[in-house]
Amino acid sequence: MTTYQTLTFEQSGPVTRIVLNRPDAANGINDTLAAELADAAVRCDVAETKVVLLTGAGRFFCAGGDLKAMAASPLGTGRFVKGIADDLHRAISTLARMDAVLITAVNGVAAGAGFSLAVIGDLVLAAESASFTMAYTKAGLSPDGSSSYYLPRLVGVRRTQELMLTNRRLSAPEALQWGLVTEVVPADELSTRADALAAEMASAAGASNAAVKKLLLLSFGNGLEEQMEIEGRTIAACADHADGREGIDAFLNKRAPKFA
């Protein structure tokens, strides 16, 4: 266990658990939390980590940026917000590009940048009591936290416009129907289900999961032939990897694979 002021970071074998830990402030993102999340993300970007589980403490997943901290900053609001956004974006970039599978377990309200953090997961679990809202324009602000990148790709431009301009609040079942989350579970089962999914991903082929993440990130910027060339090179690299050799051998010998 490593001590941070605004989050907890616990590594257990190939699984790292990060908990946003400002429950009295709805896990709002201030400058400290953004910087600590960026640091924690870098610590997850290592070969030993196969799964990262991100959730929130208390009733909220994350209510977005801490507006009180923004208004009180002696740096001036704009400069202070830019610093938070820069650190948050470093964290998200690292989490998106690391080899480990990112599981987000949305335990309550996900608003603003909390909404953004929730949906960057490779696998997104939501408690039945969770809800999702952009909320930026309600405070006279514009979206950040990668939402203008991910949301159009997840739900399309029209639904993104609705979320961002009207601040529509989605329930967890609605978020599932829209394709924003992977699975909805009863609130009292969220932690158990998240741990089980993390264990499942930890026992899977890490090299294959990393390849899936990289291919999907590249797909939006490539044409068909370029993407297929990358697919060919990537599957060849996976076949030469220890995970690939183990997976093929296990399949041919009709046994369960034992990935490193």
C-alpha atoms as a PDB file:
ATOM      1  CA  MET A   1       0.000   0.000   0.000  1.00  0.00           C
ATOM      2  CA  THR A   2       1.402   3.387  -1.013  1.00  0.00           C
ATOM      3  CA  THR A   3       0.120   6.496   0.743  1.00  0.00           C
ATOM      4  CA  TYR A   4      -1.390   9.353  -1.254  1.00  0.00           C
ATOM      5  CA  GLN A   5      -3.457  12.249   0.075  1.00  0.00           C
ATOM      6  CA  THR A   6      -6.439  11.849  -2.259  1.00  0.00           C
ATOM      7  CA  LEU A   7      -6.417   8.263  -3.478  1.00  0.00           C
ATOM      8  CA  THR A   8      -5.384   4.809  -2.378  1.00  0.00           C
ATOM      9  CA  PHE A   9      -3.069   2.648  -4.441  1.00  0.00           C
ATOM     10  CA  GLU A  10      -2.805  -1.032  -3.690  1.00  0.00           C
ATOM     11  CA  GLN A  11      -0.989  -3.636  -5.753  1.00  0.00           C
ATOM     12  CA  SER A  12      -1.704  -7.323  -5.275  1.00  0.00           C
ATOM     13  CA  GLY A  13       0.244  -9.445  -7.721  1.00  0.00           C
ATOM     14  CA  PRO A  14      -0.781  -8.492 -11.272  1.00  0.00           C
ATOM     15  CA  VAL A  15      -3.782  -6.412 -10.105  1.00  0.00           C
ATOM     16  CA  THR A  16      -3.553  -2.776  -9.001  1.00  0.00           C
ATOM     17  CA  ARG A  17      -6.516  -1.111  -7.299  1.00  0.00           C
ATOM     18  CA  ILE A  18      -6.859   2.687  -7.344  1.00  0.00           C
ATOM     19  CA  VAL A  19      -9.603   4.291  -5.255  1.00  0.00           C
ATOM     20  CA  LEU A  20     -10.433   7.991  -5.575  1.00  0.00           C
ATOM     21  CA  ASN A  21     -10.538   8.915  -1.901  1.00  0.00           C
ATOM     22  CA  ARG A  22     -12.074  12.318  -1.243  1.00  0.00           C
ATOM     23  CA  PRO A  23     -15.501  11.074  -0.133  1.00  0.00           C
ATOM     24  CA  ASP A  24     -16.313  14.261   1.793  1.00  0.00           C
ATOM     25  CA  ALA A  25     -15.829  16.203  -1.458  1.00  0.00           C
ATOM     26  CA  ALA A  26     -17.670  13.698  -3.672  1.00  0.00           C
ATOM     27  CA  ASN A  27     -14.225  12.574  -4.907  1.00  0.00           C
ATOM     28  CA  GLY A  28     -13.973  15.875  -6.766  1.00  0.00           C
ATOM     29  CA  ILE A  29     -10.800  16.414  -8.753  1.00  0.00           C
ATOM     30  CA  ASN A  30      -8.548  19.131  -7.340  1.00  0.00           C
ATOM     31  CA  ASP A  31      -4.925  19.789  -8.222  1.00  0.00           C
ATOM     32  CA  THR A  32      -3.642  17.191  -5.748  1.00  0.00           C
ATOM     33  CA  LEU A  33      -5.919  14.405  -6.962  1.00  0.00           C
ATOM     34  CA  ALA A  34      -5.117  15.093 -10.612  1.00  0.00           C
ATOM     35  CA  ALA A  35      -1.368  15.040  -9.927  1.00  0.00           C
ATOM     36  CA  GLU A  36      -1.590  11.917  -7.784  1.00  0.00           C
ATOM     37  CA  LEU A  37      -3.688  10.107 -10.374  1.00  0.00           C
ATOM     38  CA  ALA A  38      -1.095  10.929 -13.039  1.00  0.00           C
ATOM     39  CA  ASP A  39       1.629   9.542 -10.778  1.00  0.00           C
ATOM     40  CA  ALA A  40      -0.387   6.419  -9.967  1.00  0.00           C
ATOM     41  CA  ALA A  41      -1.059   5.798 -13.660  1.00  0.00           C
ATOM     42  CA  VAL A  42       2.669   5.840 -14.432  1.00  0.00           C
ATOM     43  CA  ARG A  43       3.245   3.323 -11.654  1.00  0.00           C
ATOM     44  CA  CYS A  44       0.690   1.022 -13.306  1.00  0.00           C
ATOM     45  CA  ASP A  45       2.444   1.172 -16.671  1.00  0.00           C
ATOM     46  CA  VAL A  46       4.795  -1.721 -15.937  1.00  0.00           C
ATOM     47  CA  ALA A  47       5.040  -5.272 -17.231  1.00  0.00           C
ATOM     48  CA  GLU A  48       4.103  -6.768 -13.855  1.00  0.00           C
ATOM     49  CA  THR A  49       0.662  -5.123 -13.870  1.00  0.00           C
ATOM     50  CA  LYS A  50      -1.991  -6.863 -15.982  1.00  0.00           C
ATOM     51  CA  VAL A  51      -5.129  -5.222 -14.561  1.00  0.00           C
ATOM     52  CA  VAL A  52      -5.937  -1.833 -13.051  1.00  0.00           C
ATOM     53  CA  LEU A  53      -9.210  -1.415 -11.160  1.00  0.00           C
ATOM     54  CA  LEU A  54     -10.375   2.185 -10.684  1.00  0.00           C
ATOM     55  CA  THR A  55     -13.291   3.085  -8.396  1.00  0.00           C
ATOM     56  CA  GLY A  56     -14.394   5.688  -5.875  1.00  0.00           C
ATOM     57  CA  ALA A  57     -14.750   5.762  -2.097  1.00  0.00           C
ATOM     58  CA  GLY A  58     -18.119   6.441  -0.526  1.00  0.00           C
ATOM     59  CA  ARG A  59     -21.339   7.275  -2.369  1.00  0.00           C
ATOM     60  CA  PHE A  60     -19.752   8.958  -5.408  1.00  0.00           C
ATOM     61  CA  PHE A  61     -17.513   7.656  -8.147  1.00  0.00           C
ATOM     62  CA  CYS A  62     -16.402  11.211  -8.959  1.00  0.00           C
ATOM     63  CA  ALA A  63     -18.437  14.404  -9.165  1.00  0.00           C
ATOM     64  CA  GLY A  64     -15.950  16.053 -11.537  1.00  0.00           C
ATOM     65  CA  GLY A  65     -13.727  19.043 -10.996  1.00  0.00           C
ATOM     66  CA  ASP A  66     -13.623  20.622  -7.550  1.00  0.00           C
ATOM     67  CA  LEU A  67     -15.231  24.000  -8.260  1.00  0.00           C
ATOM     68  CA  LYS A  68     -14.508  25.311  -4.762  1.00  0.00           C
ATOM     69  CA  ALA A  69     -10.799  24.691  -5.238  1.00  0.00           C
ATOM     70  CA  MET A  70     -10.922  26.333  -8.660  1.00  0.00           C
ATOM     71  CA  ALA A  71     -12.618  29.472  -7.353  1.00  0.00           C
ATOM     72  CA  ALA A  72     -10.249  29.786  -4.388  1.00  0.00           C
ATOM     73  CA  SER A  73      -6.959  29.327  -6.244  1.00  0.00           C
ATOM     74  CA  PRO A  74      -4.530  32.271  -5.989  1.00  0.00           C
ATOM     75  CA  LEU A  75      -3.200  31.281  -9.439  1.00  0.00           C
ATOM     76  CA  GLY A  76      -6.389  32.481 -11.101  1.00  0.00           C
ATOM     77  CA  THR A  77      -9.160  30.127 -12.162  1.00  0.00           C
ATOM     78  CA  GLY A  78      -8.086  29.563 -15.757  1.00  0.00           C
ATOM     79  CA  ARG A  79      -4.460  28.803 -14.951  1.00  0.00           C
ATOM     80  CA  PHE A  80      -5.443  26.528 -12.067  1.00  0.00           C
ATOM     81  CA  VAL A  81      -7.950  24.605 -14.200  1.00  0.00           C
ATOM     82  CA  LYS A  82      -5.397  24.176 -16.999  1.00  0.00           C
ATOM     83  CA  GLY A  83      -2.976  22.600 -14.539  1.00  0.00           C
ATOM     84  CA  ILE A  84      -5.628  20.160 -13.342  1.00  0.00           C
ATOM     85  CA  ALA A  85      -6.608  19.310 -16.913  1.00  0.00           C
ATOM     86  CA  ASP A  86      -2.989  18.722 -17.929  1.00  0.00           C
ATOM     87  CA  ASP A  87      -2.389  16.285 -15.063  1.00  0.00           C
ATOM     88  CA  LEU A  88      -5.721  14.547 -15.608  1.00  0.00           C
ATOM     89  CA  HIS A  89      -4.986  14.172 -19.308  1.00  0.00           C
ATOM     90  CA  ARG A  90      -1.544  12.708 -18.565  1.00  0.00           C
ATOM     91  CA  ALA A  91      -3.221  10.160 -16.314  1.00  0.00           C
ATOM     92  CA  ILE A  92      -5.831   9.240 -18.922  1.00  0.00           C
ATOM     93  CA  SER A  93      -3.262   8.968 -21.713  1.00  0.00           C
ATOM     94  CA  THR A  94      -1.141   6.622 -19.627  1.00  0.00           C
ATOM     95  CA  LEU A  95      -4.113   4.498 -18.571  1.00  0.00           C
ATOM     96  CA  ALA A  96      -5.303   4.250 -22.181  1.00  0.00           C
ATOM     97  CA  ARG A  97      -1.898   3.272 -23.588  1.00  0.00           C
ATOM     98  CA  MET A  98      -0.615   0.982 -20.850  1.00  0.00           C
ATOM     99  CA  ASP A  99      -0.678  -2.751 -21.512  1.00  0.00           C
ATOM    100  CA  ALA A 100      -2.860  -3.504 -18.496  1.00  0.00           C
ATOM    101  CA  VAL A 101      -6.632  -3.810 -18.845  1.00  0.00           C
ATOM    102  CA  LEU A 102      -8.394  -0.900 -17.125  1.00  0.00           C
ATOM    103  CA  ILE A 103     -11.608  -1.780 -15.293  1.00  0.00           C
ATOM    104  CA  THR A 104     -13.663   1.120 -13.977  1.00  0.00           C
ATOM    105  CA  ALA A 105     -16.203   0.267 -11.275  1.00  0.00           C
ATOM    106  CA  VAL A 106     -18.676   3.141 -11.117  1.00  0.00           C
ATOM    107  CA  ASN A 107     -20.110   3.013  -7.617  1.00  0.00           C
ATOM    108  CA  GLY A 108     -22.208   6.191  -7.704  1.00  0.00           C
ATOM    109  CA  VAL A 109     -22.548   9.535  -9.455  1.00  0.00           C
ATOM    110  CA  ALA A 110     -20.113  10.106 -12.324  1.00  0.00           C
ATOM    111  CA  ALA A 111     -20.314  13.752 -13.365  1.00  0.00           C
ATOM    112  CA  GLY A 112     -18.128  16.012 -15.462  1.00  0.00           C
ATOM    113  CA  ALA A 113     -14.579  14.694 -15.496  1.00  0.00           C
ATOM    114  CA  GLY A 114     -15.872  11.808 -13.389  1.00  0.00           C
ATOM    115  CA  PHE A 115     -18.051  10.802 -16.339  1.00  0.00           C
ATOM    116  CA  SER A 116     -14.969  11.064 -18.539  1.00  0.00           C
ATOM    117  CA  LEU A 117     -12.929   8.850 -16.188  1.00  0.00           C
ATOM    118  CA  ALA A 118     -15.727   6.297 -15.923  1.00  0.00           C
ATOM    119  CA  VAL A 119     -15.986   5.585 -19.638  1.00  0.00           C
ATOM    120  CA  ILE A 120     -12.262   5.333 -20.431  1.00  0.00           C
ATOM    121  CA  GLY A 121     -12.275   1.851 -18.930  1.00  0.00           C
ATOM    122  CA  ASP A 122     -11.630  -1.058 -21.242  1.00  0.00           C
ATOM    123  CA  LEU A 123     -14.364  -2.732 -19.208  1.00  0.00           C
ATOM    124  CA  VAL A 124     -16.881  -0.560 -17.339  1.00  0.00           C
ATOM    125  CA  LEU A 125     -18.973  -1.902 -14.459  1.00  0.00           C
ATOM    126  CA  ALA A 126     -21.719   0.238 -12.970  1.00  0.00           C
ATOM    127  CA  ALA A 127     -23.796  -0.163  -9.842  1.00  0.00           C
ATOM    128  CA  GLU A 128     -27.534  -0.013 -10.458  1.00  0.00           C
ATOM    129  CA  SER A 129     -27.541   3.196  -8.401  1.00  0.00           C
ATOM    130  CA  ALA A 130     -24.860   4.902 -10.531  1.00  0.00           C
ATOM    131  CA  SER A 131     -25.674   7.812 -12.799  1.00  0.00           C
ATOM    132  CA  PHE A 132     -23.852   9.708 -15.520  1.00  0.00           C
ATOM    133  CA  THR A 133     -24.028  13.381 -16.487  1.00  0.00           C
ATOM    134  CA  MET A 134     -21.665  15.784 -18.240  1.00  0.00           C
ATOM    135  CA  ALA A 135     -22.690  18.884 -16.232  1.00  0.00           C
ATOM    136  CA  TYR A 136     -19.960  21.112 -17.722  1.00  0.00           C
ATOM    137  CA  THR A 137     -22.121  23.734 -19.445  1.00  0.00           C
ATOM    138  CA  LYS A 138     -24.284  24.006 -16.333  1.00  0.00           C
ATOM    139  CA  ALA A 139     -21.210  25.569 -14.690  1.00  0.00           C
ATOM    140  CA  GLY A 140     -20.276  27.596 -17.774  1.00  0.00           C
ATOM    141  CA  LEU A 141     -17.407  25.259 -18.642  1.00  0.00           C
ATOM    142  CA  SER A 142     -16.479  22.984 -21.547  1.00  0.00           C
ATOM    143  CA  PRO A 143     -15.776  19.230 -21.483  1.00  0.00           C
ATOM    144  CA  ASP A 144     -12.353  17.789 -20.730  1.00  0.00           C
ATOM    145  CA  GLY A 145     -10.952  14.474 -19.558  1.00  0.00           C
ATOM    146  CA  SER A 146     -11.046  12.984 -23.076  1.00  0.00           C
ATOM    147  CA  SER A 147     -14.866  13.057 -23.272  1.00  0.00           C
ATOM    148  CA  SER A 148     -14.884  14.879 -26.616  1.00  0.00           C
ATOM    149  CA  TYR A 149     -12.741  12.032 -27.995  1.00  0.00           C
ATOM    150  CA  TYR A 150     -14.383   8.985 -26.453  1.00  0.00           C
ATOM    151  CA  LEU A 151     -18.069   9.895 -26.351  1.00  0.00           C
ATOM    152  CA  PRO A 152     -18.573  10.416 -30.116  1.00  0.00           C
ATOM    153  CA  ARG A 153     -16.880   7.069 -30.691  1.00  0.00           C
ATOM    154  CA  LEU A 154     -18.937   5.295 -28.046  1.00  0.00           C
ATOM    155  CA  VAL A 155     -22.399   6.772 -28.627  1.00  0.00           C
ATOM    156  CA  GLY A 156     -22.175   8.888 -31.801  1.00  0.00           C
ATOM    157  CA  VAL A 157     -22.144  12.632 -32.344  1.00  0.00           C
ATOM    158  CA  ARG A 158     -25.882  13.243 -31.865  1.00  0.00           C
ATOM    159  CA  ARG A 159     -26.039  11.584 -28.466  1.00  0.00           C
ATOM    160  CA  THR A 160     -22.785  13.265 -27.448  1.00  0.00           C
ATOM    161  CA  GLN A 161     -24.285  16.639 -28.331  1.00  0.00           C
ATOM    162  CA  GLU A 162     -27.315  15.828 -26.207  1.00  0.00           C
ATOM    163  CA  LEU A 163     -25.178  14.783 -23.243  1.00  0.00           C
ATOM    164  CA  MET A 164     -22.909  17.808 -23.449  1.00  0.00           C
ATOM    165  CA  LEU A 165     -25.444  20.510 -24.310  1.00  0.00           C
ATOM    166  CA  THR A 166     -28.469  19.451 -22.245  1.00  0.00           C
ATOM    167  CA  ASN A 167     -26.587  17.760 -19.398  1.00  0.00           C
ATOM    168  CA  ARG A 168     -28.979  14.824 -19.586  1.00  0.00           C
ATOM    169  CA  ARG A 169     -28.526  12.444 -16.675  1.00  0.00           C
ATOM    170  CA  LEU A 170     -28.345   8.786 -17.607  1.00  0.00           C
ATOM    171  CA  SER A 171     -29.193   6.031 -15.174  1.00  0.00           C
ATOM    172  CA  ALA A 172     -26.941   2.976 -15.140  1.00  0.00           C
ATOM    173  CA  PRO A 173     -29.424   0.903 -17.219  1.00  0.00           C
ATOM    174  CA  GLU A 174     -29.648   3.762 -19.756  1.00  0.00           C
ATOM    175  CA  ALA A 175     -25.845   3.987 -19.890  1.00  0.00           C
ATOM    176  CA  LEU A 176     -25.752   0.253 -20.608  1.00  0.00           C
ATOM    177  CA  GLN A 177     -28.325   0.621 -23.354  1.00  0.00           C
ATOM    178  CA  TRP A 178     -26.326   3.472 -24.915  1.00  0.00           C
ATOM    179  CA  GLY A 179     -23.135   1.412 -24.896  1.00  0.00           C
ATOM    180  CA  LEU A 180     -21.288   3.454 -22.262  1.00  0.00           C
ATOM    181  CA  VAL A 181     -20.904   0.625 -19.770  1.00  0.00           C
ATOM    182  CA  THR A 182     -20.200  -3.081 -20.053  1.00  0.00           C
ATOM    183  CA  GLU A 183     -22.341  -4.406 -17.242  1.00  0.00           C
ATOM    184  CA  VAL A 184     -24.723  -3.189 -14.534  1.00  0.00           C
ATOM    185  CA  VAL A 185     -24.802  -4.996 -11.188  1.00  0.00           C
ATOM    186  CA  PRO A 186     -26.571  -4.459  -7.847  1.00  0.00           C
ATOM    187  CA  ALA A 187     -24.718  -1.891  -5.765  1.00  0.00           C
ATOM    188  CA  ASP A 188     -23.876  -4.350  -3.001  1.00  0.00           C
ATOM    189  CA  GLU A 189     -22.333  -6.722  -5.547  1.00  0.00           C
ATOM    190  CA  LEU A 190     -20.187  -4.192  -7.440  1.00  0.00           C
ATOM    191  CA  SER A 191     -16.969  -4.719  -5.493  1.00  0.00           C
ATOM    192  CA  THR A 192     -17.231  -8.504  -5.652  1.00  0.00           C
ATOM    193  CA  ARG A 193     -17.988  -8.470  -9.366  1.00  0.00           C
ATOM    194  CA  ALA A 194     -15.137  -6.025 -10.037  1.00  0.00           C
ATOM    195  CA  ASP A 195     -12.681  -8.232  -8.146  1.00  0.00           C
ATOM    196  CA  ALA A 196     -13.876 -11.315 -10.033  1.00  0.00           C
ATOM    197  CA  LEU A 197     -13.502  -9.573 -13.388  1.00  0.00           C
ATOM    198  CA  ALA A 198     -10.047  -8.327 -12.404  1.00  0.00           C
ATOM    199  CA  ALA A 199      -9.028 -11.871 -11.496  1.00  0.00           C
ATOM    200  CA  GLU A 200     -10.359 -13.127 -14.833  1.00  0.00           C
ATOM    201  CA  MET A 201      -8.340 -10.535 -16.750  1.00  0.00           C
ATOM    202  CA  ALA A 202      -5.263 -11.219 -14.613  1.00  0.00           C
ATOM    203  CA  SER A 203      -5.365 -14.889 -15.663  1.00  0.00           C
ATOM    204  CA  ALA A 204      -5.752 -14.014 -19.358  1.00  0.00           C
ATOM    205  CA  ALA A 205      -2.995 -13.454 -21.923  1.00  0.00           C
ATOM    206  CA  GLY A 206      -1.512 -10.080 -21.053  1.00  0.00           C
ATOM    207  CA  ALA A 207       0.182  -9.643 -24.426  1.00  0.00           C
ATOM    208  CA  SER A 208      -3.080 -10.310 -26.251  1.00  0.00           C
ATOM    209  CA  ASN A 209      -5.026  -7.846 -24.105  1.00  0.00           C
ATOM    210  CA  ALA A 210      -2.353  -5.194 -24.632  1.00  0.00           C
ATOM    211  CA  ALA A 211      -2.548  -5.784 -28.389  1.00  0.00           C
ATOM    212  CA  VAL A 212      -6.339  -5.332 -28.344  1.00  0.00           C
ATOM    213  CA  LYS A 213      -5.966  -1.973 -26.595  1.00  0.00           C
ATOM    214  CA  LYS A 214      -3.339  -0.741 -29.058  1.00  0.00           C
ATOM    215  CA  LEU A 215      -5.249  -1.886 -32.135  1.00  0.00           C
ATOM    216  CA  LEU A 216      -8.446  -0.173 -31.044  1.00  0.00           C
ATOM    217  CA  LEU A 217      -6.656   3.093 -30.264  1.00  0.00           C
ATOM    218  CA  LEU A 218      -5.007   3.078 -33.685  1.00  0.00           C
ATOM    219  CA  SER A 219      -8.120   2.142 -35.623  1.00  0.00           C
ATOM    220  CA  PHE A 220      -9.694   5.612 -35.616  1.00  0.00           C
ATOM    221  CA  GLY A 221      -6.693   7.210 -37.286  1.00  0.00           C
ATOM    222  CA  ASN A 222      -5.930   4.573 -39.908  1.00  0.00           C
ATOM    223  CA  GLY A 223      -7.341   3.521 -43.222  1.00  0.00           C
ATOM    224  CA  LEU A 224      -8.344  -0.096 -43.876  1.00  0.00           C
ATOM    225  CA  GLU A 225      -5.084  -1.288 -45.451  1.00  0.00           C
ATOM    226  CA  GLU A 226      -2.877   0.429 -42.869  1.00  0.00           C
ATOM    227  CA  GLN A 227      -4.904  -1.041 -40.021  1.00  0.00           C
ATOM    228  CA  MET A 228      -4.792  -4.525 -41.537  1.00  0.00           C
ATOM    229  CA  GLU A 229      -1.007  -4.290 -41.926  1.00  0.00           C
ATOM    230  CA  ILE A 230      -0.730  -3.408 -38.245  1.00  0.00           C
ATOM    231  CA  GLU A 231      -3.075  -6.295 -37.417  1.00  0.00           C
ATOM    232  CA  GLY A 232      -0.857  -8.703 -39.336  1.00  0.00           C
ATOM    233  CA  ARG A 233       2.323  -7.540 -37.624  1.00  0.00           C
ATOM    234  CA  THR A 234       0.645  -7.544 -34.209  1.00  0.00           C
ATOM    235  CA  ILE A 235      -0.804 -11.052 -34.435  1.00  0.00           C
ATOM    236  CA  ALA A 236       2.589 -12.312 -35.626  1.00  0.00           C
ATOM    237  CA  ALA A 237       4.261 -10.717 -32.610  1.00  0.00           C
ATOM    238  CA  CYS A 238       1.629 -12.285 -30.333  1.00  0.00           C
ATOM    239  CA  ALA A 239       2.222 -15.695 -31.910  1.00  0.00           C
ATOM    240  CA  ASP A 240       5.942 -15.410 -31.106  1.00  0.00           C
ATOM    241  CA  HIS A 241       5.258 -14.235 -27.549  1.00  0.00           C
ATOM    242  CA  ALA A 242       5.265 -16.719 -24.655  1.00  0.00           C
ATOM    243  CA  ASP A 243       1.520 -16.132 -24.204  1.00  0.00           C
ATOM    244  CA  GLY A 244       0.875 -17.002 -27.830  1.00  0.00           C
ATOM    245  CA  ARG A 245       2.956 -20.150 -27.696  1.00  0.00           C
ATOM    246  CA  GLU A 246       1.197 -21.230 -24.504  1.00  0.00           C
ATOM    247  CA  GLY A 247      -2.249 -20.459 -25.904  1.00  0.00           C
ATOM    248  CA  ILE A 248      -1.670 -22.395 -29.115  1.00  0.00           C
ATOM    249  CA  ASP A 249      -0.173 -25.367 -27.293  1.00  0.00           C
ATOM    250  CA  ALA A 250      -3.051 -25.435 -24.800  1.00  0.00           C
ATOM    251  CA  PHE A 251      -5.625 -25.334 -27.591  1.00  0.00           C
ATOM    252  CA  LEU A 252      -3.943 -28.149 -29.536  1.00  0.00           C
ATOM    253  CA  ASN A 253      -3.639 -30.286 -26.424  1.00  0.00           C
ATOM    254  CA  LYS A 254      -7.163 -29.531 -25.235  1.00  0.00           C
ATOM    255  CA  ARG A 255      -6.135 -28.069 -21.861  1.00  0.00           C
ATOM    256  CA  ALA A 256      -6.651 -24.767 -20.091  1.00  0.00           C
ATOM    257  CA  PRO A 257      -3.858 -22.278 -20.850  1.00  0.00           C
ATOM    258  CA  LYS A 258      -1.588 -21.043 -18.061  1.00  0.00           C
ATOM    259  CA  PHE A 259      -0.474 -17.575 -19.036  1.00  0.00           C
ATOM    260  CA  ALA A 260       2.387 -15.873 -17.223  1.00  0.00           C
END
